[in-house]
Amino acid sequence: MKHVITLSLLAVFVFAASFTFMPNKPWPVPDKDAKKANPVKNDAASVSAGKALWSQHCSSCHGKTGLGDGSKAAQLKTQPDDMSKAAFQTQSDGSLFYKVSEGRDDMPSFKKKIPDAEDIWNVVNYMRTLKK
């Protein structure tokens, strides 16, 4: 009888866990934004500045290394992307800039929190270091 109860509880847990996050829907970026070139040189200074901003604004959801495992990630409706994967890293810099600036759903817009466009480009340059 204990095994039946244990298996039943396990089944309920697995079923409930499958609904914790909604699957990520496509996030289209307007062509003019996707094609925008990054005007900030991807160098050590830019990456360092981007990492500092990442720690302040992004890591609570996206995690320290961009795996989507930040302390607030479990509270979100959608799982933050794993930024180390090719599917993320193949996006253009312009697309990443747009997504950070504009936000959608659980992802807030950062154009007011990080008002200097150069700083958002620095974050984009830092995100490029998160690949496997």
N, C-alpha and C. Protein backbone atom coordinates (compact mmCIF):
# COMPACT_ATOMS: atom_id res chain seq x y z
N MET A 1 0.82 -1.20 0.00
CA MET A 1 0.00 0.00 0.00
C MET A 1 0.86 1.26 0.00
N LYS A 2 1.99 1.23 0.76
CA LYS A 2 2.88 2.38 0.79
C LYS A 2 3.40 2.71 -0.61
N HIS A 3 3.69 1.66 -1.38
CA HIS A 3 4.22 1.87 -2.73
C HIS A 3 3.19 2.54 -3.63
N VAL A 4 1.93 2.17 -3.48
CA VAL A 4 0.87 2.76 -4.29
C VAL A 4 0.73 4.25 -3.96
N ILE A 5 0.77 4.57 -2.69
CA ILE A 5 0.66 5.97 -2.27
C ILE A 5 1.88 6.76 -2.76
N THR A 6 3.06 6.18 -2.60
CA THR A 6 4.28 6.84 -3.04
C THR A 6 4.25 7.09 -4.55
N LEU A 7 3.86 6.07 -5.31
CA LEU A 7 3.79 6.23 -6.76
C LEU A 7 2.72 7.23 -7.16
N SER A 8 1.61 7.24 -6.45
CA SER A 8 0.55 8.21 -6.74
C SER A 8 1.02 9.63 -6.48
N LEU A 9 1.71 9.84 -5.38
CA LEU A 9 2.23 11.17 -5.07
C LEU A 9 3.29 11.60 -6.09
N LEU A 10 4.11 10.66 -6.49
CA LEU A 10 5.12 10.96 -7.50
C LEU A 10 4.46 11.36 -8.82
N ALA A 11 3.43 10.64 -9.21
CA ALA A 11 2.72 10.95 -10.46
C ALA A 11 2.10 12.34 -10.39
N VAL A 12 1.50 12.68 -9.27
CA VAL A 12 0.89 14.01 -9.10
C VAL A 12 1.97 15.09 -9.18
N PHE A 13 3.11 14.85 -8.54
CA PHE A 13 4.21 15.82 -8.55
C PHE A 13 4.71 16.04 -9.98
N VAL A 14 4.95 14.97 -10.71
CA VAL A 14 5.45 15.09 -12.08
C VAL A 14 4.43 15.81 -12.95
N PHE A 15 3.16 15.49 -12.80
CA PHE A 15 2.10 16.15 -13.57
C PHE A 15 2.08 17.65 -13.26
N ALA A 16 2.12 18.00 -11.97
CA ALA A 16 2.08 19.41 -11.57
C ALA A 16 3.33 20.14 -12.05
N ALA A 17 4.48 19.50 -11.96
CA ALA A 17 5.73 20.13 -12.38
C ALA A 17 5.73 20.43 -13.87
N SER A 18 5.04 19.63 -14.64
CA SER A 18 5.01 19.86 -16.09
C SER A 18 4.27 21.14 -16.45
N PHE A 19 3.50 21.69 -15.52
CA PHE A 19 2.76 22.92 -15.78
C PHE A 19 3.37 24.13 -15.07
N THR A 20 4.53 23.95 -14.47
CA THR A 20 5.17 25.05 -13.76
C THR A 20 5.49 26.20 -14.70
N PHE A 21 6.07 25.90 -15.84
CA PHE A 21 6.42 26.92 -16.82
C PHE A 21 5.63 26.70 -18.09
N MET A 22 5.20 27.79 -18.69
CA MET A 22 4.58 27.72 -20.00
C MET A 22 5.72 27.63 -21.01
N PRO A 23 5.52 26.93 -22.12
CA PRO A 23 6.59 26.88 -23.12
C PRO A 23 6.84 28.28 -23.70
N ASN A 24 8.07 28.53 -24.03
CA ASN A 24 8.41 29.84 -24.59
C ASN A 24 7.86 29.95 -26.01
N LYS A 25 7.14 31.02 -26.25
CA LYS A 25 6.59 31.25 -27.58
C LYS A 25 7.60 32.05 -28.40
N PRO A 26 7.50 31.98 -29.71
CA PRO A 26 8.43 32.75 -30.55
C PRO A 26 8.38 34.24 -30.19
N TRP A 27 9.52 34.87 -30.29
CA TRP A 27 9.63 36.30 -29.98
C TRP A 27 10.16 37.01 -31.22
N PRO A 28 9.24 37.38 -32.11
CA PRO A 28 9.70 38.05 -33.34
C PRO A 28 10.24 39.45 -33.04
N VAL A 29 11.25 39.80 -33.79
CA VAL A 29 11.89 41.11 -33.67
C VAL A 29 11.75 41.79 -35.03
N PRO A 30 11.30 43.06 -35.07
CA PRO A 30 11.21 43.76 -36.35
C PRO A 30 12.55 43.72 -37.10
N ASP A 31 12.49 43.55 -38.40
CA ASP A 31 13.71 43.43 -39.21
C ASP A 31 14.69 44.57 -38.98
N LYS A 32 14.18 45.80 -38.91
CA LYS A 32 15.08 46.95 -38.75
C LYS A 32 15.85 46.86 -37.44
N ASP A 33 15.23 46.29 -36.41
CA ASP A 33 15.91 46.13 -35.13
C ASP A 33 16.86 44.94 -35.15
N ALA A 34 16.42 43.84 -35.75
CA ALA A 34 17.25 42.63 -35.82
C ALA A 34 18.53 42.89 -36.60
N LYS A 35 18.47 43.78 -37.59
CA LYS A 35 19.63 44.07 -38.44
C LYS A 35 20.53 45.16 -37.88
N LYS A 36 20.13 45.75 -36.77
CA LYS A 36 20.92 46.84 -36.18
C LYS A 36 22.28 46.29 -35.72
N ALA A 37 23.34 46.95 -36.13
CA ALA A 37 24.70 46.53 -35.76
C ALA A 37 25.04 47.05 -34.37
N ASN A 38 25.81 46.27 -33.66
CA ASN A 38 26.28 46.66 -32.33
C ASN A 38 27.39 47.70 -32.50
N PRO A 39 27.17 48.94 -32.04
CA PRO A 39 28.18 49.98 -32.21
C PRO A 39 29.28 49.94 -31.14
N VAL A 40 29.13 49.06 -30.15
CA VAL A 40 30.09 49.00 -29.05
C VAL A 40 31.05 47.83 -29.29
N LYS A 41 32.33 48.15 -29.30
CA LYS A 41 33.35 47.12 -29.50
C LYS A 41 33.26 46.07 -28.40
N ASN A 42 33.27 44.81 -28.80
CA ASN A 42 33.20 43.70 -27.84
C ASN A 42 34.60 43.45 -27.29
N ASP A 43 34.96 44.24 -26.27
CA ASP A 43 36.28 44.11 -25.66
C ASP A 43 36.12 43.89 -24.16
N ALA A 44 37.22 43.76 -23.46
CA ALA A 44 37.20 43.45 -22.03
C ALA A 44 36.44 44.51 -21.23
N ALA A 45 36.61 45.78 -21.58
CA ALA A 45 35.94 46.86 -20.85
C ALA A 45 34.43 46.77 -21.02
N SER A 46 33.99 46.52 -22.24
CA SER A 46 32.55 46.40 -22.51
C SER A 46 31.97 45.19 -21.79
N VAL A 47 32.64 44.06 -21.88
CA VAL A 47 32.15 42.83 -21.23
C VAL A 47 32.09 43.02 -19.72
N SER A 48 33.09 43.67 -19.15
CA SER A 48 33.10 43.93 -17.71
C SER A 48 31.93 44.83 -17.29
N ALA A 49 31.70 45.88 -18.07
CA ALA A 49 30.56 46.78 -17.78
C ALA A 49 29.24 46.02 -17.93
N GLY A 50 29.14 45.19 -18.96
CA GLY A 50 27.93 44.40 -19.17
C GLY A 50 27.70 43.40 -18.06
N LYS A 51 28.77 42.79 -17.57
CA LYS A 51 28.66 41.82 -16.48
C LYS A 51 28.14 42.49 -15.20
N ALA A 52 28.61 43.69 -14.93
CA ALA A 52 28.15 44.42 -13.74
C ALA A 52 26.65 44.72 -13.85
N LEU A 53 26.22 45.15 -15.03
CA LEU A 53 24.79 45.42 -15.24
C LEU A 53 23.98 44.13 -15.18
N TRP A 54 24.53 43.06 -15.72
CA TRP A 54 23.88 41.73 -15.68
C TRP A 54 23.65 41.33 -14.22
N SER A 55 24.68 41.48 -13.40
CA SER A 55 24.56 41.10 -11.98
C SER A 55 23.48 41.90 -11.27
N GLN A 56 23.37 43.17 -11.64
CA GLN A 56 22.40 44.06 -11.00
C GLN A 56 20.98 43.83 -11.50
N HIS A 57 20.80 43.61 -12.80
CA HIS A 57 19.46 43.61 -13.39
C HIS A 57 18.96 42.27 -13.93
N CYS A 58 19.85 41.35 -14.26
CA CYS A 58 19.45 40.18 -15.04
C CYS A 58 19.59 38.84 -14.31
N SER A 59 20.58 38.73 -13.46
CA SER A 59 20.91 37.43 -12.88
C SER A 59 19.83 36.86 -11.97
N SER A 60 18.98 37.69 -11.41
CA SER A 60 17.94 37.17 -10.52
C SER A 60 16.96 36.26 -11.26
N CYS A 61 16.77 36.46 -12.54
CA CYS A 61 15.92 35.57 -13.34
C CYS A 61 16.75 34.64 -14.22
N HIS A 62 17.75 35.21 -14.90
CA HIS A 62 18.51 34.44 -15.88
C HIS A 62 19.66 33.65 -15.28
N GLY A 63 20.00 33.90 -14.02
CA GLY A 63 21.09 33.18 -13.37
C GLY A 63 22.43 33.85 -13.62
N LYS A 64 23.42 33.49 -12.79
CA LYS A 64 24.75 34.09 -12.90
C LYS A 64 25.40 33.82 -14.24
N THR A 65 25.14 32.63 -14.80
CA THR A 65 25.79 32.25 -16.06
C THR A 65 24.80 32.11 -17.21
N GLY A 66 23.59 32.67 -17.06
CA GLY A 66 22.64 32.70 -18.16
C GLY A 66 21.92 31.40 -18.45
N LEU A 67 21.87 30.49 -17.48
CA LEU A 67 21.21 29.20 -17.70
C LEU A 67 19.70 29.25 -17.45
N GLY A 68 19.20 30.41 -17.02
CA GLY A 68 17.77 30.54 -16.73
C GLY A 68 17.42 30.02 -15.35
N ASP A 69 18.41 29.98 -14.47
CA ASP A 69 18.23 29.38 -13.15
C ASP A 69 18.39 30.37 -12.00
N GLY A 70 18.02 31.61 -12.24
CA GLY A 70 18.12 32.62 -11.19
C GLY A 70 17.14 32.38 -10.06
N SER A 71 17.33 33.07 -8.95
CA SER A 71 16.50 32.86 -7.76
C SER A 71 15.03 33.19 -7.99
N LYS A 72 14.70 34.04 -8.95
CA LYS A 72 13.31 34.40 -9.24
C LYS A 72 12.71 33.60 -10.40
N ALA A 73 13.51 32.77 -11.05
CA ALA A 73 13.04 32.06 -12.26
C ALA A 73 11.82 31.20 -11.98
N ALA A 74 11.76 30.55 -10.85
CA ALA A 74 10.65 29.65 -10.53
C ALA A 74 9.33 30.40 -10.36
N GLN A 75 9.38 31.70 -10.13
CA GLN A 75 8.18 32.50 -9.95
C GLN A 75 7.60 33.00 -11.28
N LEU A 76 8.30 32.76 -12.36
CA LEU A 76 7.88 33.26 -13.67
C LEU A 76 6.93 32.30 -14.37
N LYS A 77 6.14 32.84 -15.29
CA LYS A 77 5.22 32.01 -16.08
C LYS A 77 5.96 31.26 -17.18
N THR A 78 7.06 31.84 -17.66
CA THR A 78 7.85 31.20 -18.71
C THR A 78 9.28 31.01 -18.22
N GLN A 79 9.89 29.93 -18.63
CA GLN A 79 11.27 29.65 -18.25
C GLN A 79 12.20 30.58 -19.02
N PRO A 80 13.08 31.30 -18.31
CA PRO A 80 14.05 32.13 -19.04
C PRO A 80 14.93 31.24 -19.93
N ASP A 81 15.29 31.78 -21.10
CA ASP A 81 16.13 31.03 -22.04
C ASP A 81 17.48 30.66 -21.42
N ASP A 82 18.00 29.53 -21.88
CA ASP A 82 19.37 29.14 -21.57
C ASP A 82 20.24 29.84 -22.60
N MET A 83 20.94 30.86 -22.17
CA MET A 83 21.71 31.69 -23.08
C MET A 83 23.00 31.04 -23.56
N SER A 84 23.32 29.88 -23.01
CA SER A 84 24.53 29.18 -23.45
C SER A 84 24.28 28.34 -24.70
N LYS A 85 23.02 28.14 -25.03
CA LYS A 85 22.67 27.28 -26.17
C LYS A 85 22.76 28.02 -27.50
N ALA A 86 23.01 27.26 -28.55
CA ALA A 86 23.15 27.83 -29.89
C ALA A 86 21.90 28.59 -30.32
N ALA A 87 20.73 28.08 -29.95
CA ALA A 87 19.48 28.75 -30.34
C ALA A 87 19.44 30.19 -29.84
N PHE A 88 20.02 30.44 -28.71
CA PHE A 88 20.08 31.81 -28.19
C PHE A 88 21.22 32.57 -28.84
N GLN A 89 22.39 31.96 -28.88
CA GLN A 89 23.60 32.64 -29.34
C GLN A 89 23.57 32.98 -30.83
N THR A 90 22.72 32.32 -31.62
CA THR A 90 22.66 32.62 -33.05
C THR A 90 21.78 33.85 -33.35
N GLN A 91 21.11 34.37 -32.35
CA GLN A 91 20.34 35.60 -32.55
C GLN A 91 21.30 36.76 -32.80
N SER A 92 20.86 37.71 -33.58
CA SER A 92 21.70 38.88 -33.87
C SER A 92 21.82 39.77 -32.63
N ASP A 93 22.89 40.56 -32.60
CA ASP A 93 23.04 41.52 -31.51
C ASP A 93 21.86 42.47 -31.46
N GLY A 94 21.39 42.88 -32.63
CA GLY A 94 20.24 43.79 -32.69
C GLY A 94 18.99 43.17 -32.07
N SER A 95 18.80 41.87 -32.29
CA SER A 95 17.65 41.18 -31.69
C SER A 95 17.75 41.16 -30.17
N LEU A 96 18.94 40.88 -29.67
CA LEU A 96 19.13 40.85 -28.21
C LEU A 96 18.94 42.24 -27.62
N PHE A 97 19.48 43.26 -28.28
CA PHE A 97 19.30 44.63 -27.82
C PHE A 97 17.81 44.98 -27.74
N TYR A 98 17.08 44.62 -28.79
CA TYR A 98 15.64 44.89 -28.84
C TYR A 98 14.92 44.21 -27.68
N LYS A 99 15.22 42.95 -27.43
CA LYS A 99 14.52 42.20 -26.39
C LYS A 99 14.81 42.75 -25.00
N VAL A 100 16.06 43.14 -24.76
CA VAL A 100 16.40 43.74 -23.46
C VAL A 100 15.71 45.09 -23.33
N SER A 101 15.73 45.88 -24.38
CA SER A 101 15.12 47.22 -24.35
C SER A 101 13.61 47.17 -24.19
N GLU A 102 12.96 46.35 -25.00
CA GLU A 102 11.50 46.35 -25.08
C GLU A 102 10.82 45.41 -24.08
N GLY A 103 11.39 44.25 -23.85
CA GLY A 103 10.78 43.26 -22.96
C GLY A 103 9.46 42.73 -23.51
N ARG A 104 8.91 41.75 -22.81
CA ARG A 104 7.56 41.23 -23.08
C ARG A 104 7.23 40.21 -21.99
N ASP A 105 5.97 40.12 -21.69
CA ASP A 105 5.48 39.18 -20.66
C ASP A 105 6.31 39.32 -19.38
N ASP A 106 6.90 38.22 -18.91
CA ASP A 106 7.70 38.25 -17.68
C ASP A 106 8.97 39.09 -17.79
N MET A 107 9.48 39.22 -18.99
CA MET A 107 10.72 39.98 -19.22
C MET A 107 10.38 41.46 -19.29
N PRO A 108 10.83 42.23 -18.28
CA PRO A 108 10.50 43.66 -18.30
C PRO A 108 11.33 44.42 -19.34
N SER A 109 10.83 45.58 -19.71
CA SER A 109 11.60 46.49 -20.55
C SER A 109 12.68 47.13 -19.68
N PHE A 110 13.87 47.22 -20.22
CA PHE A 110 14.97 47.83 -19.46
C PHE A 110 15.38 49.19 -20.01
N LYS A 111 14.61 49.75 -20.95
CA LYS A 111 15.02 51.03 -21.51
C LYS A 111 14.94 52.18 -20.50
N LYS A 112 14.18 52.02 -19.43
CA LYS A 112 14.16 53.06 -18.37
C LYS A 112 15.15 52.73 -17.26
N LYS A 113 15.31 51.45 -16.94
CA LYS A 113 16.26 51.05 -15.89
C LYS A 113 17.70 51.17 -16.36
N ILE A 114 17.91 50.95 -17.65
CA ILE A 114 19.24 51.08 -18.26
C ILE A 114 19.07 52.05 -19.44
N PRO A 115 18.96 53.35 -19.16
CA PRO A 115 18.59 54.30 -20.22
C PRO A 115 19.68 54.58 -21.25
N ASP A 116 20.93 54.31 -20.94
CA ASP A 116 22.01 54.55 -21.89
C ASP A 116 22.13 53.35 -22.83
N ALA A 117 21.87 53.57 -24.10
CA ALA A 117 21.91 52.48 -25.09
C ALA A 117 23.26 51.76 -25.07
N GLU A 118 24.34 52.48 -24.86
CA GLU A 118 25.66 51.84 -24.81
C GLU A 118 25.72 50.79 -23.71
N ASP A 119 25.06 51.04 -22.60
CA ASP A 119 25.04 50.07 -21.51
C ASP A 119 24.30 48.79 -21.90
N ILE A 120 23.21 48.93 -22.65
CA ILE A 120 22.49 47.74 -23.11
C ILE A 120 23.36 46.97 -24.09
N TRP A 121 24.09 47.67 -24.96
CA TRP A 121 25.01 46.98 -25.87
C TRP A 121 26.09 46.25 -25.07
N ASN A 122 26.54 46.85 -23.97
CA ASN A 122 27.52 46.16 -23.11
C ASN A 122 26.93 44.86 -22.56
N VAL A 123 25.67 44.89 -22.18
CA VAL A 123 25.00 43.67 -21.70
C VAL A 123 24.96 42.63 -22.82
N VAL A 124 24.66 43.07 -24.04
CA VAL A 124 24.66 42.15 -25.19
C VAL A 124 26.04 41.52 -25.35
N ASN A 125 27.08 42.35 -25.25
CA ASN A 125 28.45 41.81 -25.37
C ASN A 125 28.73 40.81 -24.26
N TYR A 126 28.25 41.08 -23.06
CA TYR A 126 28.43 40.11 -21.98
C TYR A 126 27.67 38.81 -22.27
N MET A 127 26.44 38.92 -22.78
CA MET A 127 25.66 37.72 -23.08
C MET A 127 26.40 36.81 -24.06
N ARG A 128 27.20 37.39 -24.92
CA ARG A 128 27.97 36.60 -25.88
C ARG A 128 29.01 35.70 -25.20
N THR A 129 29.39 36.06 -23.98
CA THR A 129 30.38 35.24 -23.25
C THR A 129 29.75 34.04 -22.58
N LEU A 130 28.43 33.94 -22.60
CA LEU A 130 27.73 32.88 -21.88
C LEU A 130 27.60 31.58 -22.68
N LYS A 131 28.12 31.57 -23.90
CA LYS A 131 27.97 30.37 -24.73
C LYS A 131 28.85 29.23 -24.21
N LYS A 132 28.41 28.02 -24.53
CA LYS A 132 29.15 26.83 -24.09
C LYS A 132 30.41 26.65 -24.91
